[in-house]
């Protein structure tokens, strides 16, 4: 089918977003405007089935307001969720309202704020043309409500088709709808600390060193991870500026789904293969970790993962196997995550789990690899709220800043472990103990350097 796309560009702050609207969707809007509501809705459903993002959102609007179909908050929520997960801020705002009002889902102010935060991060404005004015204009042509504008299908057949999935009463009277235009929500300012400014600048010298940084903050199914995006952003800046990695050697991946994580790990594997043992790899992760309660093994949790289902996570053992399967000069892994099933605030990640799990300490057996973990056992990897970072990450950045990146891994391990333990007891009243776990082959890891 021939397609014509209308591309809407919205520049909101630093955000640039392009939305493609299929010709079929545009035609459906025009039909609704002319009063052919049932026909317009059916055309929107067909366009939504071909994965048109705008049509998916408009179908959700119809379900929520009973336009051309019997009102169904459940179906509306599902369609909004589908569009929101594809990055549409309009849908994110509507999902937030469902959590605010407790419609379909349990009322949850935390989840409401999380979705509003995502809406703000996308610019805090609606991108698509408002559907309701089209409908309200169509109400003026009520005689066309159940007609086919092409005259090829009788109104009774059209109405029957529109209800083919499940029998429902047909709406016979269209009424104008009033809707509030959402206002831009206030965005909390990103906290700055001394490690975010005056980042030392070194020479561009680490041409064979590559950094993969994954920062997962905005989760779909569990609580967010405060400051994770900021952690990843600043760590990436130190890699480029202080450690001297070329821009192309540093990959910062934010709010990564499972497939996106797999794709990035594949990139690292290809690099190791191409450089045939002459590459240095840095992997940094900030986000949730979860334990397998059956065997206490650990998993990284992508933003589309579930806190109680390890099959939606990425196994640390699998990651270590990938990082050591091929030769490398060195592999340094930094994990600002805990694997006990708790959040950064110490609360349980999954409400069904009542106690923290003492996760098994995963130690890579092969390769030249050292793993720096933010915590161990059933401890929590806490935030350092005053500094706008994870506690573990803050002291890594502090060491990079103070030494201009010139330190051994042994010095880094001793410093971070000592400072994090002291600060955690002071501000959290609980112990957090970072841990360095080298592979058997990396017997001289304490002498290794990042720079």
Protein backbone atom coordinates (compact mmCIF):
# COMPACT_ATOMS: atom_id res chain seq x y z
CA UNK A 1 0.00 0.00 0.00
CA UNK A 2 1.34 3.40 -1.00
CA UNK A 3 2.07 5.57 2.02
CA UNK A 4 2.38 9.31 2.42
CA UNK A 5 4.06 10.51 5.59
CA UNK A 6 3.56 13.81 7.33
CA UNK A 7 6.58 14.47 9.53
CA UNK A 8 6.13 16.72 12.53
CA UNK A 9 9.28 18.23 13.97
CA UNK A 10 9.09 19.72 17.45
CA UNK A 11 12.10 21.41 19.00
CA UNK A 12 11.55 21.50 22.74
CA UNK A 13 14.60 22.64 24.67
CA UNK A 14 17.33 20.26 23.52
CA UNK A 15 14.82 17.66 22.35
CA UNK A 16 14.22 17.06 18.64
CA UNK A 17 11.42 14.61 17.88
CA UNK A 18 10.06 13.44 14.55
CA UNK A 19 6.64 11.74 14.34
CA UNK A 20 5.55 10.01 11.15
CA UNK A 21 1.79 10.03 10.55
CA UNK A 22 0.60 7.54 7.95
CA UNK A 23 -1.73 8.78 5.18
CA UNK A 24 -4.34 6.28 6.34
CA UNK A 25 -4.31 7.88 9.79
CA UNK A 26 -4.61 11.38 8.36
CA UNK A 27 -7.52 10.27 6.19
CA UNK A 28 -9.20 8.68 9.23
CA UNK A 29 -8.92 11.96 11.14
CA UNK A 30 -10.53 13.79 8.25
CA UNK A 31 -13.37 11.24 8.11
CA UNK A 32 -14.02 11.69 11.84
CA UNK A 33 -14.05 15.45 11.30
CA UNK A 34 -16.72 14.98 8.61
CA UNK A 35 -18.84 12.93 11.01
CA UNK A 36 -18.02 9.40 9.76
CA UNK A 37 -17.02 8.34 13.26
CA UNK A 38 -17.47 4.56 13.06
CA UNK A 39 -15.65 4.40 9.73
CA UNK A 40 -12.87 6.67 11.01
CA UNK A 41 -12.36 4.53 14.09
CA UNK A 42 -12.12 1.33 12.02
CA UNK A 43 -9.53 2.98 9.76
CA UNK A 44 -7.52 4.07 12.81
CA UNK A 45 -7.57 0.49 14.13
CA UNK A 46 -6.25 -0.78 10.79
CA UNK A 47 -3.47 1.82 10.78
CA UNK A 48 -2.62 0.97 14.40
CA UNK A 49 -2.32 -2.70 13.42
CA UNK A 50 0.39 -1.70 10.90
CA UNK A 51 2.33 -0.14 13.81
CA UNK A 52 1.55 3.50 13.05
CA UNK A 53 2.37 5.30 16.29
CA UNK A 54 -0.12 8.14 15.88
CA UNK A 55 -2.95 5.71 15.09
CA UNK A 56 -2.17 3.67 18.21
CA UNK A 57 -2.49 6.81 20.33
CA UNK A 58 -5.71 7.91 18.64
CA UNK A 59 -7.26 4.45 19.08
CA UNK A 60 -6.46 4.75 22.81
CA UNK A 61 -8.24 8.13 22.87
CA UNK A 62 -11.29 6.51 21.26
CA UNK A 63 -11.36 3.65 23.77
CA UNK A 64 -10.97 6.04 26.71
CA UNK A 65 -13.80 8.32 25.55
CA UNK A 66 -16.10 5.84 23.83
CA UNK A 67 -15.65 7.35 20.38
CA UNK A 68 -16.82 4.93 17.67
CA UNK A 69 -16.56 2.04 20.13
CA UNK A 70 -17.84 1.21 23.60
CA UNK A 71 -15.73 2.89 26.26
CA UNK A 72 -12.98 0.56 27.56
CA UNK A 73 -10.38 1.89 29.99
CA UNK A 74 -8.51 -1.42 29.87
CA UNK A 75 -8.09 -1.28 26.09
CA UNK A 76 -7.23 2.43 26.31
CA UNK A 77 -4.49 1.75 28.86
CA UNK A 78 -3.02 -1.05 26.75
CA UNK A 79 -2.82 1.16 23.66
CA UNK A 80 -1.44 4.13 25.59
CA UNK A 81 1.18 1.82 27.10
CA UNK A 82 2.17 0.50 23.69
CA UNK A 83 2.61 4.04 22.35
CA UNK A 84 4.40 5.23 25.50
CA UNK A 85 6.94 2.42 25.34
CA UNK A 86 7.70 3.53 21.79
CA UNK A 87 8.61 6.96 23.16
CA UNK A 88 5.47 9.07 22.54
CA UNK A 89 5.18 11.75 25.27
CA UNK A 90 1.45 12.22 24.58
CA UNK A 91 0.83 8.63 25.68
CA UNK A 92 3.18 8.97 28.68
CA UNK A 93 1.04 11.83 30.00
CA UNK A 94 -2.13 9.75 29.70
CA UNK A 95 -0.49 6.76 31.45
CA UNK A 96 0.41 9.11 34.32
CA UNK A 97 -3.24 10.16 34.62
CA UNK A 98 -4.32 6.51 34.90
CA UNK A 99 -1.98 6.03 37.87
CA UNK A 100 -3.07 9.38 39.37
CA UNK A 101 -6.76 8.49 39.27
CA UNK A 102 -6.46 4.74 39.90
CA UNK A 103 -8.21 3.86 36.64
CA UNK A 104 -7.58 0.19 35.63
CA UNK A 105 -4.36 0.23 37.67
CA UNK A 106 -3.93 0.76 41.41
CA UNK A 107 -3.59 4.42 42.31
CA UNK A 108 0.14 5.03 42.63
CA UNK A 109 1.61 8.51 43.04
CA UNK A 110 5.14 7.18 42.57
CA UNK A 111 4.32 5.62 39.21
CA UNK A 112 2.44 8.79 38.22
CA UNK A 113 5.53 10.90 38.93
CA UNK A 114 7.77 8.45 37.04
CA UNK A 115 5.62 8.70 33.90
CA UNK A 116 5.40 12.48 34.21
CA UNK A 117 9.19 12.55 34.49
CA UNK A 118 9.46 10.62 31.23
CA UNK A 119 6.96 13.02 29.66
CA UNK A 120 9.13 15.95 30.76
CA UNK A 121 12.29 14.29 29.48
CA UNK A 122 10.64 14.15 26.06
CA UNK A 123 10.04 17.89 26.18
CA UNK A 124 6.90 18.13 28.32
CA UNK A 125 4.59 18.86 25.38
CA UNK A 126 2.13 16.94 23.23
CA UNK A 127 3.50 16.21 19.76
CA UNK A 128 0.44 14.95 17.88
CA UNK A 129 -2.51 17.02 16.65
CA UNK A 130 -5.33 16.93 19.21
CA UNK A 131 -7.93 14.32 18.21
CA UNK A 132 -10.84 15.81 20.17
CA UNK A 133 -11.39 18.90 17.96
CA UNK A 134 -11.69 16.57 14.95
CA UNK A 135 -14.35 14.58 16.77
CA UNK A 136 -16.22 17.62 18.09
CA UNK A 137 -16.38 19.03 14.58
CA UNK A 138 -17.74 15.69 13.37
CA UNK A 139 -20.53 15.84 15.95
CA UNK A 140 -22.01 18.65 13.85
CA UNK A 141 -22.54 16.09 11.08
CA UNK A 142 -24.29 13.49 13.25
CA UNK A 143 -26.15 12.01 10.29
CA UNK A 144 -22.89 10.54 8.98
CA UNK A 145 -22.03 8.79 12.27
CA UNK A 146 -22.47 5.17 11.08
CA UNK A 147 -22.05 5.75 7.34
CA UNK A 148 -19.23 4.80 5.03
CA UNK A 149 -18.01 7.88 3.13
CA UNK A 150 -17.16 5.70 0.14
CA UNK A 151 -20.66 4.25 -0.02
CA UNK A 152 -19.27 0.73 -0.50
CA UNK A 153 -20.45 -0.66 2.82
CA UNK A 154 -23.84 -0.24 4.43
CA UNK A 155 -24.01 1.35 7.84
CA UNK A 156 -25.26 -1.89 9.39
CA UNK A 157 -22.35 -3.87 7.93
CA UNK A 158 -19.86 -1.22 9.09
CA UNK A 159 -21.28 -1.22 12.60
CA UNK A 160 -21.17 -5.02 12.64
CA UNK A 161 -17.53 -5.03 11.50
CA UNK A 162 -16.57 -2.49 14.16
CA UNK A 163 -17.81 -4.92 16.82
CA UNK A 164 -16.42 -8.12 15.28
CA UNK A 165 -13.82 -8.75 17.95
CA UNK A 166 -16.35 -8.82 20.80
CA UNK A 167 -20.07 -7.98 20.71
CA UNK A 168 -20.74 -4.54 22.16
CA UNK A 169 -23.61 -2.07 21.95
CA UNK A 170 -23.15 0.43 19.11
CA UNK A 171 -22.95 4.08 19.97
CA UNK A 172 -25.68 5.89 18.09
CA UNK A 173 -25.42 9.42 19.49
CA UNK A 174 -22.21 11.44 19.30
CA UNK A 175 -21.63 14.06 21.99
CA UNK A 176 -18.97 16.80 22.10
CA UNK A 177 -16.09 16.15 24.50
CA UNK A 178 -14.12 18.65 26.54
CA UNK A 179 -10.55 17.82 27.45
CA UNK A 180 -7.95 19.69 29.47
CA UNK A 181 -4.75 20.57 27.69
CA UNK A 182 -1.89 19.18 29.82
CA UNK A 183 0.45 21.73 31.29
CA UNK A 184 4.18 21.24 31.32
CA UNK A 185 5.19 19.71 34.62
CA UNK A 186 7.94 21.24 36.71
CA UNK A 187 11.22 19.40 36.12
CA UNK A 188 13.48 18.86 39.08
CA UNK A 189 16.89 20.39 38.46
CA UNK A 190 19.76 17.98 38.16
CA UNK A 191 21.94 18.19 41.24
CA UNK A 192 25.55 19.17 40.65
CA UNK A 193 28.53 18.24 42.77
CA UNK A 194 32.20 19.17 42.61
CA UNK A 195 32.99 16.02 40.61
CA UNK A 196 30.70 17.23 37.80
CA UNK A 197 32.77 20.35 37.18
CA UNK A 198 36.45 20.95 36.54
CA UNK A 199 36.87 17.52 34.99
CA UNK A 200 40.60 17.07 34.28
CA UNK A 201 41.51 16.98 30.61
CA UNK A 202 44.26 14.61 29.53
CA UNK A 203 45.88 13.75 26.23
CA UNK A 204 44.02 11.72 23.61
CA UNK A 205 46.11 8.62 24.09
CA UNK A 206 43.97 5.55 24.77
CA UNK A 207 43.19 4.67 21.16
CA UNK A 208 42.76 0.96 21.90
CA UNK A 209 40.58 1.43 24.98
CA UNK A 210 36.81 1.21 24.62
CA UNK A 211 34.11 2.08 27.15
CA UNK A 212 30.53 0.82 27.22
CA UNK A 213 28.40 2.69 29.75
CA UNK A 214 24.82 1.61 30.46
CA UNK A 215 22.75 3.87 32.71
CA UNK A 216 19.26 2.58 33.53
CA UNK A 217 17.12 4.99 35.52
CA UNK A 218 13.56 5.01 34.15
CA UNK A 219 12.06 1.54 34.59
CA UNK A 220 8.71 0.46 33.17
CA UNK A 221 7.73 -2.19 35.72
CA UNK A 222 9.67 -1.36 38.90
CA UNK A 223 10.81 1.76 40.76
CA UNK A 224 13.29 4.10 39.10
CA UNK A 225 16.97 4.32 40.05
CA UNK A 226 17.71 7.88 41.25
CA UNK A 227 20.71 9.56 39.57
CA UNK A 228 21.62 6.61 37.32
CA UNK A 229 21.47 8.69 34.12
CA UNK A 230 23.63 11.37 35.71
CA UNK A 231 26.09 8.72 36.89
CA UNK A 232 26.50 7.35 33.39
CA UNK A 233 26.75 10.77 31.76
CA UNK A 234 29.54 12.00 34.03
CA UNK A 235 31.42 8.68 33.94
CA UNK A 236 31.40 8.95 30.13
CA UNK A 237 32.81 12.48 30.34
CA UNK A 238 35.70 11.28 32.49
CA UNK A 239 36.41 8.49 29.99
CA UNK A 240 36.66 11.00 27.15
CA UNK A 241 38.28 13.95 28.90
CA UNK A 242 40.40 12.49 31.68
CA UNK A 243 41.30 9.02 30.41
CA UNK A 244 41.83 10.22 26.83
CA UNK A 245 39.45 7.92 24.96
CA UNK A 246 38.35 9.08 21.49
CA UNK A 247 34.70 10.05 21.20
CA UNK A 248 34.01 7.05 18.96
CA UNK A 249 35.44 4.69 21.60
CA UNK A 250 32.86 5.67 24.24
CA UNK A 251 29.27 4.46 24.08
CA UNK A 252 26.76 5.85 26.57
CA UNK A 253 23.48 3.92 26.46
CA UNK A 254 20.61 5.22 28.57
CA UNK A 255 17.49 3.36 29.72
CA UNK A 256 18.44 0.22 27.83
CA UNK A 257 15.95 -2.54 27.12
CA UNK A 258 17.10 -6.16 27.13
CA UNK A 259 17.55 -6.25 23.36
CA UNK A 260 19.47 -2.97 23.41
CA UNK A 261 21.79 -4.35 26.10
CA UNK A 262 22.41 -7.49 24.08
CA UNK A 263 23.21 -5.40 21.02
CA UNK A 264 25.79 -3.34 22.94
CA UNK A 265 27.43 -6.41 24.44
CA UNK A 266 27.70 -7.79 20.92
CA UNK A 267 29.52 -4.57 19.94
CA UNK A 268 32.08 -5.20 22.68
CA UNK A 269 32.53 -8.80 21.54
CA UNK A 270 33.15 -7.65 17.96
CA UNK A 271 35.72 -5.12 19.15
CA UNK A 272 37.63 -7.77 21.07
CA UNK A 273 37.56 -10.01 18.04
CA UNK A 274 38.76 -7.24 15.70
CA UNK A 275 41.62 -6.10 17.95
CA UNK A 276 42.82 -9.65 18.58
CA UNK A 277 43.89 -9.26 22.19
CA UNK A 278 45.11 -5.66 21.88
CA UNK A 279 42.00 -3.92 23.29
CA UNK A 280 41.27 -2.64 26.78
CA UNK A 281 37.59 -2.76 27.74
CA UNK A 282 35.78 -0.65 30.34
CA UNK A 283 32.19 -1.57 31.20
CA UNK A 284 30.20 0.60 33.59
CA UNK A 285 26.63 -0.11 34.70
CA UNK A 286 24.27 1.91 36.89
CA UNK A 287 20.79 0.51 37.43
CA UNK A 288 18.93 -2.32 39.09
CA UNK A 289 20.28 -5.78 39.69
CA UNK A 290 18.16 -8.73 40.77
CA UNK A 291 18.91 -12.14 42.31
CA UNK A 292 17.67 -15.52 41.21
CA UNK A 293 16.05 -16.75 44.41
CA UNK A 294 16.52 -20.39 43.41
CA UNK A 295 20.33 -20.31 43.16
CA UNK A 296 21.23 -16.75 44.29
CA UNK A 297 22.90 -15.89 40.96
CA UNK A 298 22.81 -12.28 39.78
CA UNK A 299 21.25 -10.46 36.82
CA UNK A 300 21.36 -6.94 35.41
CA UNK A 301 17.81 -5.61 34.99
CA UNK A 302 16.97 -3.77 31.74
CA UNK A 303 14.33 -1.03 31.89
CA UNK A 304 11.70 -3.37 30.42
CA UNK A 305 12.47 -6.14 32.91
CA UNK A 306 10.44 -7.45 35.84
CA UNK A 307 11.89 -7.51 39.35
CA UNK A 308 10.58 -11.01 40.05
CA UNK A 309 11.46 -12.62 36.70
CA UNK A 310 15.15 -13.24 36.01
CA UNK A 311 14.37 -14.38 32.47
CA UNK A 312 13.77 -10.68 31.70
CA UNK A 313 17.26 -9.78 32.95
CA UNK A 314 20.82 -10.35 31.71
CA UNK A 315 22.89 -12.86 33.64
CA UNK A 316 26.18 -11.64 35.11
CA UNK A 317 27.69 -15.06 34.44
CA UNK A 318 26.68 -14.73 30.79
CA UNK A 319 28.19 -11.25 30.67
CA UNK A 320 31.49 -12.42 32.17
CA UNK A 321 31.61 -15.33 29.73
CA UNK A 322 31.18 -12.90 26.83
CA UNK A 323 33.87 -10.53 28.16
CA UNK A 324 36.41 -13.33 28.63
CA UNK A 325 35.62 -15.57 25.67
CA UNK A 326 37.99 -13.54 23.48
CA UNK A 327 41.39 -12.15 24.34
CA UNK A 328 41.83 -8.61 25.67
CA UNK A 329 44.67 -6.78 27.38
CA UNK A 330 42.34 -5.98 30.26
CA UNK A 331 38.65 -5.78 31.10
CA UNK A 332 37.47 -3.51 33.92
CA UNK A 333 33.84 -3.83 35.06
CA UNK A 334 32.15 -1.30 37.38
CA UNK A 335 28.73 -2.24 38.75
CA UNK A 336 26.84 0.43 40.68
CA UNK A 337 24.00 -1.94 41.45
CA UNK A 338 23.12 -4.35 44.21
CA UNK A 339 21.80 -7.85 43.61
CA UNK A 340 19.88 -8.39 46.83
CA UNK A 341 16.51 -7.31 45.43
CA UNK A 342 16.48 -3.82 46.98
CA UNK A 343 16.28 -0.30 45.50
CA UNK A 344 18.87 2.42 46.00
CA UNK A 345 16.66 3.68 48.82
CA UNK A 346 16.85 0.32 50.59
CA UNK A 347 13.22 -0.68 49.94
CA UNK A 348 12.35 -3.96 48.26
CA UNK A 349 12.39 -3.91 44.47
CA UNK A 350 9.50 -6.36 44.26
CA UNK A 351 6.73 -5.97 46.80
CA UNK A 352 6.18 -9.72 46.90
CA UNK A 353 9.64 -10.27 48.34
CA UNK A 354 9.81 -9.52 52.03
CA UNK A 355 13.55 -9.80 52.71
CA UNK A 356 16.76 -9.04 50.89
CA UNK A 357 18.50 -12.01 49.26
CA UNK A 358 22.16 -12.63 49.98
CA UNK A 359 23.29 -12.90 46.37
CA UNK A 360 26.11 -15.23 45.45
CA UNK A 361 29.30 -13.34 44.64
CA UNK A 362 29.83 -13.91 40.93
CA UNK A 363 33.55 -14.14 40.15
CA UNK A 364 34.80 -14.46 36.56
CA UNK A 365 37.13 -17.44 36.25
CA UNK A 366 38.81 -16.77 32.90
CA UNK A 367 40.45 -13.83 31.15
CA UNK A 368 42.16 -10.63 32.28
CA UNK A 369 39.17 -9.16 34.09
CA UNK A 370 38.55 -7.27 37.31
CA UNK A 371 35.04 -6.52 38.60
CA UNK A 372 34.38 -3.63 40.97
CA UNK A 373 30.99 -4.03 42.68
CA UNK A 374 29.20 -1.32 44.68
CA UNK A 375 28.12 -3.71 47.43
CA UNK A 376 28.14 -7.36 48.39
CA UNK A 377 25.85 -9.99 49.90
CA UNK A 378 22.47 -8.60 50.96
CA UNK A 379 23.70 -5.00 51.14
CA UNK A 380 22.12 -2.07 49.27
CA UNK A 381 24.01 0.13 46.80
CA UNK A 382 22.91 3.50 48.16
CA UNK A 383 22.65 6.91 46.47
CA UNK A 384 24.59 9.94 47.64
CA UNK A 385 21.63 12.30 47.27
CA UNK A 386 23.54 15.42 48.29
CA UNK A 387 25.97 14.87 45.41
CA UNK A 388 23.43 13.65 42.83
CA UNK A 389 25.23 10.33 42.27
CA UNK A 390 25.30 6.76 43.45
CA UNK A 391 27.60 6.57 46.49
CA UNK A 392 29.93 4.07 44.78
CA UNK A 393 30.08 6.09 41.54
CA UNK A 394 30.72 9.34 43.36
CA UNK A 395 33.94 8.06 44.92
CA UNK A 396 35.15 6.56 41.64
CA UNK A 397 34.66 9.97 40.02
CA UNK A 398 36.30 11.67 42.98
CA UNK A 399 39.40 9.49 42.58
CA UNK A 400 39.50 10.18 38.84
CA UNK A 401 39.26 13.91 39.49
CA UNK A 402 41.83 14.10 42.29
CA UNK A 403 44.45 11.98 40.50
CA UNK A 404 43.62 13.02 36.92
CA UNK A 405 43.08 9.33 36.26
CA UNK A 406 46.62 8.33 37.24
CA UNK A 407 46.12 5.54 39.79
CA UNK A 408 46.43 1.78 40.02
CA UNK A 409 43.39 -0.45 40.43
CA UNK A 410 44.71 -1.44 43.82
CA UNK A 411 44.74 2.20 44.92
CA UNK A 412 41.25 2.71 43.51
CA UNK A 413 39.87 -0.36 45.31
CA UNK A 414 41.36 0.66 48.65
CA UNK A 415 40.13 4.25 48.37
CA UNK A 416 36.60 3.53 47.19
CA UNK A 417 36.04 0.72 49.69
CA UNK A 418 37.24 2.83 52.62
CA UNK A 419 35.33 5.99 51.68
CA UNK A 420 32.05 4.28 50.75
CA UNK A 421 31.98 2.23 53.96
CA UNK A 422 32.52 5.31 56.12
CA UNK A 423 30.07 7.54 54.29
CA UNK A 424 27.35 4.87 54.12
CA UNK A 425 27.39 4.29 57.87
CA UNK A 426 27.37 8.05 58.43
CA UNK A 427 24.44 8.99 56.15
CA UNK A 428 22.50 5.71 55.87
CA UNK A 429 23.21 4.05 59.19
CA UNK A 430 24.03 0.86 57.30
CA UNK A 431 27.10 -0.72 55.82
CA UNK A 432 27.86 -0.70 52.10
CA UNK A 433 31.02 -2.58 51.21
CA UNK A 434 32.41 -2.31 47.68
CA UNK A 435 34.30 -5.34 46.46
CA UNK A 436 37.01 -6.01 43.87
CA UNK A 437 36.77 -9.47 42.27
CA UNK A 438 39.61 -10.41 39.88
CA UNK A 439 39.70 -13.49 37.69
CA UNK A 440 42.25 -16.18 38.50
CA UNK A 441 44.40 -15.06 35.59
CA UNK A 442 44.47 -11.42 36.74
CA UNK A 443 46.83 -12.02 39.64
CA UNK A 444 48.56 -8.66 39.12
CA UNK A 445 45.34 -6.64 38.85
CA UNK A 446 46.33 -4.23 41.63
CA UNK A 447 49.04 -2.83 39.33
CA UNK A 448 46.70 -2.27 36.38
CA UNK A 449 45.77 1.29 35.40
CA UNK A 450 42.92 2.93 33.53
CA UNK A 451 45.30 5.51 32.10
